Amino acid sequence: MTLIRSSTDRRALRRILASAAIALIASAPFAAAQAQQQHAHVHGQIKLDVAIDGPTVVIAMESPLDNIVGFERAPKTDAEKKTVEDAVVQLRAADKLFAIDPAASCKLGPVELQSAALGLGKPDPNEPEGHADLDATFSFNCANAAAAKYIDIGLFAAFKGTRQIDAQIASAQGQFKRQLKRPAGAQAAQPARLTWGK
């Protein structure tokens, strides 16, 4: 795991956060209209927010825990504990799950995972009992993040409970909304390409 050490990294993070705040303010009417849907806990559905700013690509993921490990509570059996360990290893190796367009020349940076049921991160007091989620943030440091035009996403192959990915992308080219569905048959083992641009 890479820690943010330099003032350049801190400035880049501040720019990303400022851009996200501006995007949030600009999209407030849309967000208010869809607040119920956005906070819905839907099995099979993963939400991704992709922010491309400066030298960084940040992917925020929200998913019902069931999509990732097949249950929505703390693991009880040795088999469930092993499933959780394997899932955490896969998530921490996010550069295997999210292959960013090579034109951007990105390297995986910090990965943050949060799930009260799994003891990851700080507990969310608003999380309903029996409907645990896994939230994650994957940061990539890039030589030319603006050159990225797609991300090949391996979530369908890695996590069998995932049927749909709803993505929002914020880049210098604009804001985009995309939806990916689990491919049928053997194609589900292949990465799904998330593209943006005009």
N, C-alpha and C. Protein backbone atom coordinates (compact mmCIF):
# COMPACT_ATOMS: atom_id res chain seq x y z
N MET A 1 0.85 -1.16 0.00
CA MET A 1 0.00 0.00 0.00
C MET A 1 0.90 1.23 0.00
N THR A 2 0.58 2.19 -0.85
CA THR A 2 1.34 3.42 -0.95
C THR A 2 0.65 4.49 -0.12
N LEU A 3 1.43 5.21 0.66
CA LEU A 3 0.88 6.31 1.44
C LEU A 3 1.16 7.62 0.72
N ILE A 4 0.28 8.61 0.92
CA ILE A 4 0.49 9.92 0.33
C ILE A 4 1.56 10.61 1.17
N ARG A 5 2.73 10.84 0.55
CA ARG A 5 3.85 11.36 1.32
C ARG A 5 4.25 12.76 0.89
N SER A 6 4.21 13.04 -0.39
CA SER A 6 4.75 14.32 -0.85
C SER A 6 3.67 15.39 -0.88
N SER A 7 4.14 16.63 -0.92
CA SER A 7 3.19 17.74 -1.01
C SER A 7 2.48 17.71 -2.37
N THR A 8 3.15 17.19 -3.40
CA THR A 8 2.52 17.06 -4.72
C THR A 8 1.34 16.09 -4.63
N ASP A 9 1.52 14.96 -3.93
CA ASP A 9 0.43 14.00 -3.74
C ASP A 9 -0.71 14.62 -2.97
N ARG A 10 -0.40 15.39 -1.93
CA ARG A 10 -1.46 16.04 -1.15
C ARG A 10 -2.20 17.07 -1.99
N ARG A 11 -1.46 17.82 -2.80
CA ARG A 11 -2.12 18.81 -3.68
C ARG A 11 -3.01 18.10 -4.69
N ALA A 12 -2.56 16.99 -5.23
CA ALA A 12 -3.37 16.24 -6.19
C ALA A 12 -4.64 15.72 -5.52
N LEU A 13 -4.51 15.22 -4.30
CA LEU A 13 -5.68 14.75 -3.57
C LEU A 13 -6.64 15.90 -3.30
N ARG A 14 -6.11 17.07 -2.93
CA ARG A 14 -6.98 18.24 -2.70
C ARG A 14 -7.71 18.63 -3.97
N ARG A 15 -7.00 18.59 -5.13
CA ARG A 15 -7.65 18.92 -6.41
C ARG A 15 -8.78 17.94 -6.70
N ILE A 16 -8.54 16.66 -6.44
CA ILE A 16 -9.57 15.65 -6.68
C ILE A 16 -10.78 15.92 -5.78
N LEU A 17 -10.50 16.18 -4.51
CA LEU A 17 -11.60 16.45 -3.59
C LEU A 17 -12.35 17.72 -3.96
N ALA A 18 -11.62 18.77 -4.39
CA ALA A 18 -12.28 20.01 -4.82
C ALA A 18 -13.12 19.76 -6.06
N SER A 19 -12.59 18.99 -7.01
CA SER A 19 -13.35 18.67 -8.22
C SER A 19 -14.59 17.87 -7.88
N ALA A 20 -14.44 16.94 -6.97
CA ALA A 20 -15.59 16.14 -6.55
C ALA A 20 -16.65 17.01 -5.89
N ALA A 21 -16.20 17.97 -5.07
CA ALA A 21 -17.16 18.87 -4.41
C ALA A 21 -17.89 19.71 -5.44
N ILE A 22 -17.19 20.21 -6.45
CA ILE A 22 -17.83 21.01 -7.50
C ILE A 22 -18.82 20.15 -8.27
N ALA A 23 -18.41 18.95 -8.60
CA ALA A 23 -19.31 18.04 -9.32
C ALA A 23 -20.54 17.72 -8.48
N LEU A 24 -20.34 17.55 -7.18
CA LEU A 24 -21.45 17.25 -6.29
C LEU A 24 -22.43 18.42 -6.24
N ILE A 25 -21.92 19.63 -6.14
CA ILE A 25 -22.78 20.81 -6.10
C ILE A 25 -23.53 20.96 -7.43
N ALA A 26 -22.82 20.76 -8.53
CA ALA A 26 -23.44 20.90 -9.85
C ALA A 26 -24.50 19.84 -10.10
N SER A 27 -24.33 18.68 -9.49
CA SER A 27 -25.27 17.59 -9.73
C SER A 27 -26.30 17.45 -8.61
N ALA A 28 -26.38 18.44 -7.71
CA ALA A 28 -27.30 18.34 -6.57
C ALA A 28 -28.75 18.09 -6.98
N PRO A 29 -29.30 18.80 -7.99
CA PRO A 29 -30.68 18.50 -8.35
C PRO A 29 -30.87 17.06 -8.82
N PHE A 30 -29.93 16.57 -9.61
CA PHE A 30 -30.00 15.19 -10.07
C PHE A 30 -29.87 14.22 -8.90
N ALA A 31 -28.95 14.52 -8.00
CA ALA A 31 -28.72 13.65 -6.84
C ALA A 31 -29.94 13.61 -5.94
N ALA A 32 -30.58 14.75 -5.73
CA ALA A 32 -31.75 14.78 -4.87
C ALA A 32 -32.87 13.94 -5.46
N ALA A 33 -33.03 14.02 -6.76
CA ALA A 33 -34.10 13.27 -7.42
C ALA A 33 -33.85 11.77 -7.37
N GLN A 34 -32.58 11.39 -7.28
CA GLN A 34 -32.28 9.97 -7.30
C GLN A 34 -31.72 9.46 -5.97
N ALA A 35 -31.87 10.23 -4.91
CA ALA A 35 -31.29 9.86 -3.62
C ALA A 35 -31.75 8.49 -3.17
N GLN A 36 -33.03 8.23 -3.28
CA GLN A 36 -33.55 6.93 -2.84
C GLN A 36 -32.90 5.80 -3.61
N GLN A 37 -32.83 5.94 -4.93
CA GLN A 37 -32.25 4.90 -5.76
C GLN A 37 -30.76 4.74 -5.46
N GLN A 38 -30.05 5.84 -5.25
CA GLN A 38 -28.62 5.77 -5.06
C GLN A 38 -28.24 5.07 -3.77
N HIS A 39 -29.10 5.16 -2.75
CA HIS A 39 -28.78 4.53 -1.48
C HIS A 39 -29.42 3.15 -1.36
N ALA A 40 -30.06 2.70 -2.42
CA ALA A 40 -30.70 1.40 -2.38
C ALA A 40 -29.64 0.31 -2.31
N HIS A 41 -29.96 -0.71 -1.56
CA HIS A 41 -29.09 -1.87 -1.38
C HIS A 41 -29.65 -2.95 -2.30
N VAL A 42 -29.07 -3.09 -3.48
CA VAL A 42 -29.61 -4.00 -4.48
C VAL A 42 -28.61 -5.14 -4.70
N HIS A 43 -29.03 -6.35 -4.39
CA HIS A 43 -28.16 -7.51 -4.61
C HIS A 43 -27.87 -7.65 -6.10
N GLY A 44 -26.63 -7.96 -6.40
CA GLY A 44 -26.20 -8.13 -7.78
C GLY A 44 -25.69 -6.84 -8.42
N GLN A 45 -25.90 -5.71 -7.77
CA GLN A 45 -25.53 -4.42 -8.35
C GLN A 45 -24.35 -3.79 -7.60
N ILE A 46 -23.38 -3.33 -8.37
CA ILE A 46 -22.24 -2.59 -7.83
C ILE A 46 -22.28 -1.18 -8.40
N LYS A 47 -22.01 -0.19 -7.56
CA LYS A 47 -21.94 1.19 -8.02
C LYS A 47 -20.48 1.63 -8.02
N LEU A 48 -20.07 2.24 -9.12
CA LEU A 48 -18.72 2.77 -9.25
C LEU A 48 -18.79 4.26 -9.56
N ASP A 49 -17.97 5.03 -8.88
CA ASP A 49 -17.76 6.44 -9.21
C ASP A 49 -16.30 6.57 -9.58
N VAL A 50 -16.05 7.01 -10.82
CA VAL A 50 -14.69 7.14 -11.33
C VAL A 50 -14.38 8.62 -11.51
N ALA A 51 -13.31 9.08 -10.86
CA ALA A 51 -12.88 10.48 -10.99
C ALA A 51 -11.48 10.50 -11.59
N ILE A 52 -11.36 11.23 -12.70
CA ILE A 52 -10.08 11.38 -13.37
C ILE A 52 -9.69 12.84 -13.24
N ASP A 53 -8.63 13.10 -12.49
CA ASP A 53 -8.23 14.48 -12.23
C ASP A 53 -6.73 14.55 -12.05
N GLY A 54 -6.12 15.45 -12.81
CA GLY A 54 -4.67 15.59 -12.70
C GLY A 54 -4.00 14.26 -12.99
N PRO A 55 -3.07 13.86 -12.13
CA PRO A 55 -2.35 12.61 -12.36
C PRO A 55 -3.00 11.39 -11.69
N THR A 56 -4.29 11.52 -11.35
CA THR A 56 -4.90 10.48 -10.54
C THR A 56 -6.22 9.98 -11.12
N VAL A 57 -6.44 8.68 -11.01
CA VAL A 57 -7.73 8.06 -11.27
C VAL A 57 -8.17 7.43 -9.95
N VAL A 58 -9.33 7.83 -9.46
CA VAL A 58 -9.87 7.28 -8.21
C VAL A 58 -11.18 6.58 -8.53
N ILE A 59 -11.31 5.35 -8.07
CA ILE A 59 -12.52 4.57 -8.27
C ILE A 59 -13.12 4.28 -6.90
N ALA A 60 -14.33 4.77 -6.67
CA ALA A 60 -15.05 4.48 -5.43
C ALA A 60 -16.10 3.44 -5.76
N MET A 61 -16.17 2.40 -4.94
CA MET A 61 -17.09 1.29 -5.19
C MET A 61 -18.00 1.08 -3.99
N GLU A 62 -19.29 0.86 -4.25
CA GLU A 62 -20.26 0.48 -3.23
C GLU A 62 -20.93 -0.81 -3.69
N SER A 63 -20.99 -1.78 -2.79
CA SER A 63 -21.60 -3.06 -3.15
C SER A 63 -22.20 -3.73 -1.93
N PRO A 64 -23.37 -4.36 -2.11
CA PRO A 64 -23.82 -5.25 -1.04
C PRO A 64 -22.75 -6.32 -0.83
N LEU A 65 -22.48 -6.65 0.40
CA LEU A 65 -21.44 -7.63 0.71
C LEU A 65 -21.73 -8.97 0.04
N ASP A 66 -23.01 -9.29 -0.13
CA ASP A 66 -23.42 -10.54 -0.77
C ASP A 66 -22.81 -10.69 -2.17
N ASN A 67 -22.68 -9.60 -2.91
CA ASN A 67 -22.09 -9.66 -4.26
C ASN A 67 -20.65 -10.15 -4.22
N ILE A 68 -19.95 -9.81 -3.14
CA ILE A 68 -18.52 -10.06 -3.05
C ILE A 68 -18.22 -11.42 -2.43
N VAL A 69 -18.91 -11.75 -1.32
CA VAL A 69 -18.58 -12.99 -0.60
C VAL A 69 -19.74 -13.99 -0.50
N GLY A 70 -20.94 -13.59 -0.91
CA GLY A 70 -22.06 -14.52 -0.89
C GLY A 70 -22.90 -14.49 0.38
N PHE A 71 -22.59 -13.58 1.30
CA PHE A 71 -23.39 -13.41 2.53
C PHE A 71 -23.19 -11.98 3.02
N GLU A 72 -24.07 -11.56 3.96
CA GLU A 72 -24.06 -10.16 4.40
C GLU A 72 -23.92 -10.02 5.91
N ARG A 73 -22.97 -10.72 6.45
CA ARG A 73 -22.73 -10.70 7.89
C ARG A 73 -21.28 -11.10 8.11
N ALA A 74 -20.87 -11.08 9.36
CA ALA A 74 -19.52 -11.55 9.67
C ALA A 74 -19.41 -13.04 9.32
N PRO A 75 -18.26 -13.46 8.84
CA PRO A 75 -18.10 -14.89 8.50
C PRO A 75 -18.16 -15.75 9.76
N LYS A 76 -18.81 -16.91 9.64
CA LYS A 76 -18.97 -17.80 10.80
C LYS A 76 -18.12 -19.06 10.68
N THR A 77 -18.06 -19.64 9.50
CA THR A 77 -17.35 -20.90 9.33
C THR A 77 -15.95 -20.65 8.79
N ASP A 78 -15.11 -21.68 8.84
CA ASP A 78 -13.77 -21.57 8.26
C ASP A 78 -13.85 -21.30 6.76
N ALA A 79 -14.81 -21.92 6.08
CA ALA A 79 -14.97 -21.71 4.64
C ALA A 79 -15.35 -20.26 4.35
N GLU A 80 -16.25 -19.68 5.16
CA GLU A 80 -16.63 -18.28 4.97
C GLU A 80 -15.45 -17.35 5.25
N LYS A 81 -14.68 -17.67 6.28
CA LYS A 81 -13.50 -16.86 6.59
C LYS A 81 -12.51 -16.89 5.44
N LYS A 82 -12.33 -18.05 4.83
CA LYS A 82 -11.43 -18.19 3.68
C LYS A 82 -11.97 -17.40 2.48
N THR A 83 -13.28 -17.43 2.27
CA THR A 83 -13.90 -16.65 1.18
C THR A 83 -13.63 -15.17 1.38
N VAL A 84 -13.77 -14.69 2.61
CA VAL A 84 -13.52 -13.28 2.92
C VAL A 84 -12.04 -12.94 2.67
N GLU A 85 -11.14 -13.78 3.17
CA GLU A 85 -9.70 -13.54 2.97
C GLU A 85 -9.37 -13.44 1.48
N ASP A 86 -9.91 -14.37 0.69
CA ASP A 86 -9.65 -14.37 -0.75
C ASP A 86 -10.19 -13.10 -1.41
N ALA A 87 -11.39 -12.68 -1.00
CA ALA A 87 -12.00 -11.48 -1.58
C ALA A 87 -11.18 -10.24 -1.24
N VAL A 88 -10.71 -10.14 0.00
CA VAL A 88 -9.91 -8.99 0.41
C VAL A 88 -8.60 -8.95 -0.38
N VAL A 89 -7.98 -10.10 -0.59
CA VAL A 89 -6.75 -10.15 -1.39
C VAL A 89 -7.03 -9.66 -2.81
N GLN A 90 -8.14 -10.12 -3.40
CA GLN A 90 -8.49 -9.68 -4.76
C GLN A 90 -8.73 -8.17 -4.81
N LEU A 91 -9.44 -7.65 -3.83
CA LEU A 91 -9.74 -6.22 -3.81
C LEU A 91 -8.48 -5.38 -3.62
N ARG A 92 -7.57 -5.84 -2.79
CA ARG A 92 -6.33 -5.09 -2.57
C ARG A 92 -5.42 -5.12 -3.81
N ALA A 93 -5.60 -6.14 -4.65
CA ALA A 93 -4.87 -6.21 -5.93
C ALA A 93 -5.74 -5.58 -7.01
N ALA A 94 -6.19 -4.36 -6.76
CA ALA A 94 -7.17 -3.69 -7.61
C ALA A 94 -6.69 -3.47 -9.04
N ASP A 95 -5.39 -3.44 -9.26
CA ASP A 95 -4.90 -3.28 -10.63
C ASP A 95 -5.22 -4.49 -11.50
N LYS A 96 -5.60 -5.61 -10.87
CA LYS A 96 -6.06 -6.78 -11.62
C LYS A 96 -7.56 -6.68 -11.91
N LEU A 97 -8.31 -5.99 -11.05
CA LEU A 97 -9.75 -5.82 -11.24
C LEU A 97 -10.08 -4.64 -12.15
N PHE A 98 -9.21 -3.63 -12.13
CA PHE A 98 -9.43 -2.41 -12.90
C PHE A 98 -8.17 -2.14 -13.74
N ALA A 99 -8.21 -2.56 -15.01
CA ALA A 99 -7.08 -2.35 -15.92
C ALA A 99 -7.34 -1.06 -16.70
N ILE A 100 -6.71 0.02 -16.26
CA ILE A 100 -6.91 1.33 -16.88
C ILE A 100 -6.15 1.39 -18.20
N ASP A 101 -6.77 2.04 -19.18
CA ASP A 101 -6.19 2.26 -20.50
C ASP A 101 -4.68 2.49 -20.37
N PRO A 102 -3.86 1.65 -21.02
CA PRO A 102 -2.40 1.80 -20.91
C PRO A 102 -1.88 3.18 -21.33
N ALA A 103 -2.63 3.92 -22.13
CA ALA A 103 -2.20 5.26 -22.55
C ALA A 103 -2.02 6.18 -21.34
N ALA A 104 -2.71 5.88 -20.24
CA ALA A 104 -2.61 6.71 -19.03
C ALA A 104 -1.41 6.35 -18.18
N SER A 105 -0.84 5.18 -18.38
CA SER A 105 0.32 4.72 -17.63
C SER A 105 0.11 4.85 -16.12
N CYS A 106 -0.84 4.06 -15.59
CA CYS A 106 -1.22 4.14 -14.17
C CYS A 106 -0.63 3.01 -13.35
N LYS A 107 -0.34 3.33 -12.11
CA LYS A 107 0.12 2.36 -11.11
C LYS A 107 -0.82 2.44 -9.93
N LEU A 108 -1.13 1.30 -9.33
CA LEU A 108 -2.01 1.25 -8.17
C LEU A 108 -1.39 1.98 -7.00
N GLY A 109 -2.19 2.84 -6.37
CA GLY A 109 -1.81 3.55 -5.16
C GLY A 109 -2.58 2.99 -3.98
N PRO A 110 -3.04 3.85 -3.08
CA PRO A 110 -3.74 3.38 -1.88
C PRO A 110 -5.07 2.69 -2.20
N VAL A 111 -5.37 1.66 -1.43
CA VAL A 111 -6.65 0.95 -1.49
C VAL A 111 -7.26 1.00 -0.10
N GLU A 112 -8.49 1.49 -0.01
CA GLU A 112 -9.19 1.54 1.28
C GLU A 112 -10.44 0.69 1.18
N LEU A 113 -10.60 -0.22 2.13
CA LEU A 113 -11.78 -1.09 2.19
C LEU A 113 -12.52 -0.83 3.48
N GLN A 114 -13.85 -0.81 3.39
CA GLN A 114 -14.66 -0.60 4.59
C GLN A 114 -15.86 -1.53 4.57
N SER A 115 -15.99 -2.31 5.63
CA SER A 115 -17.15 -3.17 5.85
C SER A 115 -17.19 -3.51 7.34
N ALA A 116 -18.19 -3.02 8.02
CA ALA A 116 -18.31 -3.29 9.45
C ALA A 116 -18.42 -4.79 9.71
N ALA A 117 -19.15 -5.48 8.87
CA ALA A 117 -19.34 -6.93 9.05
C ALA A 117 -18.03 -7.70 8.96
N LEU A 118 -17.11 -7.17 8.18
CA LEU A 118 -15.81 -7.84 8.01
C LEU A 118 -14.73 -7.24 8.89
N GLY A 119 -15.07 -6.22 9.67
CA GLY A 119 -14.09 -5.58 10.54
C GLY A 119 -13.09 -4.73 9.77
N LEU A 120 -13.49 -4.23 8.62
CA LEU A 120 -12.62 -3.38 7.80
C LEU A 120 -13.06 -1.94 7.94
N GLY A 121 -12.15 -1.05 8.27
CA GLY A 121 -12.48 0.37 8.37
C GLY A 121 -13.34 0.67 9.58
N LYS A 122 -13.89 1.89 9.58
CA LYS A 122 -14.73 2.32 10.69
C LYS A 122 -16.16 1.85 10.47
N PRO A 123 -16.84 1.40 11.53
CA PRO A 123 -18.22 0.96 11.38
C PRO A 123 -19.13 2.11 10.95
N ASP A 124 -20.13 1.79 10.11
CA ASP A 124 -21.12 2.76 9.68
C ASP A 124 -22.37 2.56 10.52
N PRO A 125 -22.70 3.52 11.40
CA PRO A 125 -23.86 3.35 12.28
C PRO A 125 -25.17 3.32 11.51
N ASN A 126 -25.17 3.78 10.25
CA ASN A 126 -26.40 3.80 9.45
C ASN A 126 -26.63 2.51 8.67
N GLU A 127 -25.68 1.59 8.72
CA GLU A 127 -25.82 0.35 7.97
C GLU A 127 -26.87 -0.54 8.63
N PRO A 128 -27.92 -0.91 7.88
CA PRO A 128 -28.97 -1.72 8.47
C PRO A 128 -28.47 -3.13 8.82
N GLU A 129 -28.95 -3.66 9.90
CA GLU A 129 -28.58 -5.00 10.35
C GLU A 129 -28.99 -6.03 9.29
N GLY A 130 -28.08 -6.93 8.97
CA GLY A 130 -28.39 -7.99 8.03
C GLY A 130 -28.28 -7.58 6.57
N HIS A 131 -27.88 -6.35 6.31
CA HIS A 131 -27.71 -5.88 4.93
C HIS A 131 -26.37 -5.17 4.81
N ALA A 132 -25.31 -5.89 5.09
CA ALA A 132 -23.97 -5.29 5.12
C ALA A 132 -23.48 -4.98 3.71
N ASP A 133 -22.72 -3.91 3.63
CA ASP A 133 -22.11 -3.48 2.37
C ASP A 133 -20.59 -3.57 2.47
N LEU A 134 -19.97 -3.44 1.33
CA LEU A 134 -18.53 -3.26 1.26
C LEU A 134 -18.31 -2.02 0.41
N ASP A 135 -17.65 -1.03 0.98
CA ASP A 135 -17.28 0.18 0.27
C ASP A 135 -15.77 0.17 0.10
N ALA A 136 -15.32 0.63 -1.05
CA ALA A 136 -13.88 0.63 -1.32
C ALA A 136 -13.51 1.85 -2.14
N THR A 137 -12.28 2.29 -1.95
CA THR A 137 -11.71 3.36 -2.77
C THR A 137 -10.37 2.87 -3.28
N PHE A 138 -10.21 2.92 -4.60
CA PHE A 138 -8.99 2.47 -5.26
C PHE A 138 -8.38 3.69 -5.95
N SER A 139 -7.16 4.04 -5.57
CA SER A 139 -6.48 5.20 -6.17
C SER A 139 -5.34 4.72 -7.05
N PHE A 140 -5.26 5.33 -8.23
CA PHE A 140 -4.20 5.02 -9.18
C PHE A 140 -3.43 6.29 -9.49
N ASN A 141 -2.11 6.21 -9.44
CA ASN A 141 -1.24 7.33 -9.80
C ASN A 141 -0.80 7.12 -11.25
N CYS A 142 -1.02 8.13 -12.09
CA CYS A 142 -0.81 7.98 -13.52
C CYS A 142 0.15 9.02 -14.07
N ALA A 143 0.86 8.64 -15.13
CA ALA A 143 1.72 9.59 -15.82
C ALA A 143 0.88 10.55 -16.66
N ASN A 144 -0.25 10.05 -17.20
CA ASN A 144 -1.11 10.88 -18.05
C ASN A 144 -2.56 10.40 -17.91
N ALA A 145 -3.17 10.63 -16.75
CA ALA A 145 -4.52 10.14 -16.47
C ALA A 145 -5.53 10.62 -17.50
N ALA A 146 -5.37 11.84 -18.01
CA ALA A 146 -6.32 12.40 -18.97
C ALA A 146 -6.37 11.59 -20.27
N ALA A 147 -5.33 10.81 -20.55
CA ALA A 147 -5.30 10.01 -21.78
C ALA A 147 -6.18 8.76 -21.68
N ALA A 148 -6.62 8.42 -20.47
CA ALA A 148 -7.44 7.21 -20.29
C ALA A 148 -8.79 7.39 -20.97
N LYS A 149 -9.19 6.40 -21.73
CA LYS A 149 -10.48 6.41 -22.41
C LYS A 149 -11.36 5.24 -21.98
N TYR A 150 -10.78 4.33 -21.20
CA TYR A 150 -11.54 3.16 -20.75
C TYR A 150 -10.87 2.50 -19.56
N ILE A 151 -11.63 1.65 -18.89
CA ILE A 151 -11.12 0.76 -17.85
C ILE A 151 -11.70 -0.61 -18.12
N ASP A 152 -10.87 -1.62 -18.22
CA ASP A 152 -11.35 -3.00 -18.32
C ASP A 152 -11.59 -3.49 -16.89
N ILE A 153 -12.83 -3.88 -16.62
CA ILE A 153 -13.26 -4.20 -15.27
C ILE A 153 -13.45 -5.71 -15.13
N GLY A 154 -12.76 -6.29 -14.14
CA GLY A 154 -12.82 -7.74 -13.92
C GLY A 154 -13.72 -8.15 -12.77
N LEU A 155 -14.66 -7.30 -12.37
CA LEU A 155 -15.52 -7.61 -11.23
C LEU A 155 -16.48 -8.77 -11.50
N PHE A 156 -16.97 -8.91 -12.74
CA PHE A 156 -17.90 -10.00 -13.05
C PHE A 156 -17.21 -11.35 -12.89
N ALA A 157 -15.96 -11.43 -13.36
CA ALA A 157 -15.22 -12.69 -13.26
C ALA A 157 -14.81 -12.98 -11.82
N ALA A 158 -14.44 -11.94 -11.07
CA ALA A 158 -13.93 -12.13 -9.71
C ALA A 158 -15.04 -12.44 -8.71
N PHE A 159 -16.20 -11.81 -8.89
CA PHE A 159 -17.27 -11.92 -7.90
C PHE A 159 -18.56 -12.36 -8.57
N LYS A 160 -18.86 -13.63 -8.43
CA LYS A 160 -19.96 -14.27 -9.17
C LYS A 160 -21.34 -13.68 -8.85
N GLY A 161 -21.49 -13.02 -7.70
CA GLY A 161 -22.78 -12.45 -7.34
C GLY A 161 -23.08 -11.13 -8.05
N THR A 162 -22.13 -10.62 -8.81
CA THR A 162 -22.30 -9.34 -9.48
C THR A 162 -22.99 -9.54 -10.83
N ARG A 163 -24.14 -8.87 -11.01
CA ARG A 163 -24.90 -8.96 -12.26
C ARG A 163 -24.90 -7.65 -13.05
N GLN A 164 -24.66 -6.54 -12.36
CA GLN A 164 -24.75 -5.24 -13.03
C GLN A 164 -23.81 -4.25 -12.34
N ILE A 165 -23.19 -3.40 -13.15
CA ILE A 165 -22.33 -2.33 -12.63
C ILE A 165 -22.88 -1.01 -13.16
N ASP A 166 -23.24 -0.13 -12.25
CA ASP A 166 -23.68 1.22 -12.60
C ASP A 166 -22.53 2.16 -12.30
N ALA A 167 -22.05 2.86 -13.33
CA ALA A 167 -20.87 3.70 -13.17
C ALA A 167 -21.17 5.15 -13.54
N GLN A 168 -20.55 6.04 -12.79
CA GLN A 168 -20.53 7.46 -13.11
C GLN A 168 -19.07 7.85 -13.24
N ILE A 169 -18.77 8.56 -14.31
CA ILE A 169 -17.40 8.95 -14.59
C ILE A 169 -17.32 10.46 -14.68
N ALA A 170 -16.37 11.06 -13.98
CA ALA A 170 -16.10 12.50 -14.06
C ALA A 170 -14.68 12.67 -14.57
N SER A 171 -14.57 13.30 -15.74
CA SER A 171 -13.25 13.52 -16.34
C SER A 171 -13.23 14.90 -16.97
N ALA A 172 -12.08 15.28 -17.51
CA ALA A 172 -11.97 16.57 -18.18
C ALA A 172 -12.88 16.63 -19.40
N GLN A 173 -13.26 15.47 -19.94
CA GLN A 173 -14.15 15.40 -21.11
C GLN A 173 -15.61 15.60 -20.73
N GLY A 174 -15.91 15.55 -19.43
CA GLY A 174 -17.29 15.70 -18.98
C GLY A 174 -17.68 14.63 -17.99
N GLN A 175 -18.98 14.57 -17.71
CA GLN A 175 -19.51 13.56 -16.80
C GLN A 175 -20.34 12.57 -17.61
N PHE A 176 -20.17 11.29 -17.28
CA PHE A 176 -20.82 10.24 -18.05
C PHE A 176 -21.41 9.21 -17.09
N LYS A 177 -22.48 8.60 -17.54
CA LYS A 177 -23.12 7.54 -16.78
C LYS A 177 -23.17 6.31 -17.68
N ARG A 178 -22.73 5.18 -17.17
CA ARG A 178 -22.71 3.95 -17.95
C ARG A 178 -23.25 2.80 -17.10
N GLN A 179 -23.76 1.78 -17.79
CA GLN A 179 -24.22 0.57 -17.11
C GLN A 179 -23.65 -0.64 -17.85
N LEU A 180 -23.07 -1.54 -17.08
CA LEU A 180 -22.54 -2.78 -17.63
C LEU A 180 -23.34 -3.94 -17.05
N LYS A 181 -23.69 -4.90 -17.90
CA LYS A 181 -24.42 -6.09 -17.46
C LYS A 181 -23.50 -7.29 -17.55
N ARG A 182 -23.72 -8.26 -16.66
CA ARG A 182 -22.91 -9.48 -16.68
C ARG A 182 -23.08 -10.17 -18.03
N PRO A 183 -21.98 -10.42 -18.74
CA PRO A 183 -22.08 -11.15 -20.00
C PRO A 183 -22.52 -12.59 -19.76
N ALA A 184 -23.11 -13.19 -20.76
CA ALA A 184 -23.58 -14.58 -20.66
C ALA A 184 -22.43 -15.55 -20.89
N GLY A 185 -22.56 -16.73 -20.29
CA GLY A 185 -21.65 -17.83 -20.53
C GLY A 185 -20.19 -17.52 -20.24
N ALA A 186 -19.33 -18.03 -21.14
CA ALA A 186 -17.88 -17.92 -20.95
C ALA A 186 -17.40 -16.47 -21.02
N GLN A 187 -18.19 -15.59 -21.66
CA GLN A 187 -17.78 -14.19 -21.76
C GLN A 187 -17.73 -13.51 -20.40
N ALA A 188 -18.43 -14.06 -19.40
CA ALA A 188 -18.41 -13.47 -18.06
C ALA A 188 -17.02 -13.53 -17.44
N ALA A 189 -16.18 -14.42 -17.94
CA ALA A 189 -14.81 -14.53 -17.42
C ALA A 189 -13.90 -13.45 -18.00
N GLN A 190 -14.37 -12.77 -19.05
CA GLN A 190 -13.58 -11.72 -19.68
C GLN A 190 -13.89 -10.37 -19.03
N PRO A 191 -12.92 -9.45 -19.01
CA PRO A 191 -13.19 -8.11 -18.46
C PRO A 191 -14.26 -7.39 -19.28
N ALA A 192 -15.06 -6.59 -18.60
CA ALA A 192 -16.05 -5.74 -19.26
C ALA A 192 -15.42 -4.36 -19.43
N ARG A 193 -15.57 -3.76 -20.58
CA ARG A 193 -14.92 -2.47 -20.86
C ARG A 193 -15.87 -1.33 -20.52
N LEU A 194 -15.41 -0.46 -19.61
CA LEU A 194 -16.11 0.76 -19.25
C LEU A 194 -15.46 1.90 -20.03
N THR A 195 -16.21 2.51 -20.95
CA THR A 195 -15.66 3.58 -21.78
C THR A 195 -16.37 4.90 -21.48
N TRP A 196 -15.73 5.98 -21.85
CA TRP A 196 -16.34 7.29 -21.71
C TRP A 196 -15.78 8.20 -22.80
N GLY A 197 -16.34 9.35 -22.92
CA GLY A 197 -15.93 10.32 -23.93
C GLY A 197 -17.06 10.55 -24.91
N LYS A 198 -16.79 11.40 -25.83
CA LYS A 198 -17.84 11.78 -26.79
C LYS A 198 -17.63 11.10 -28.12
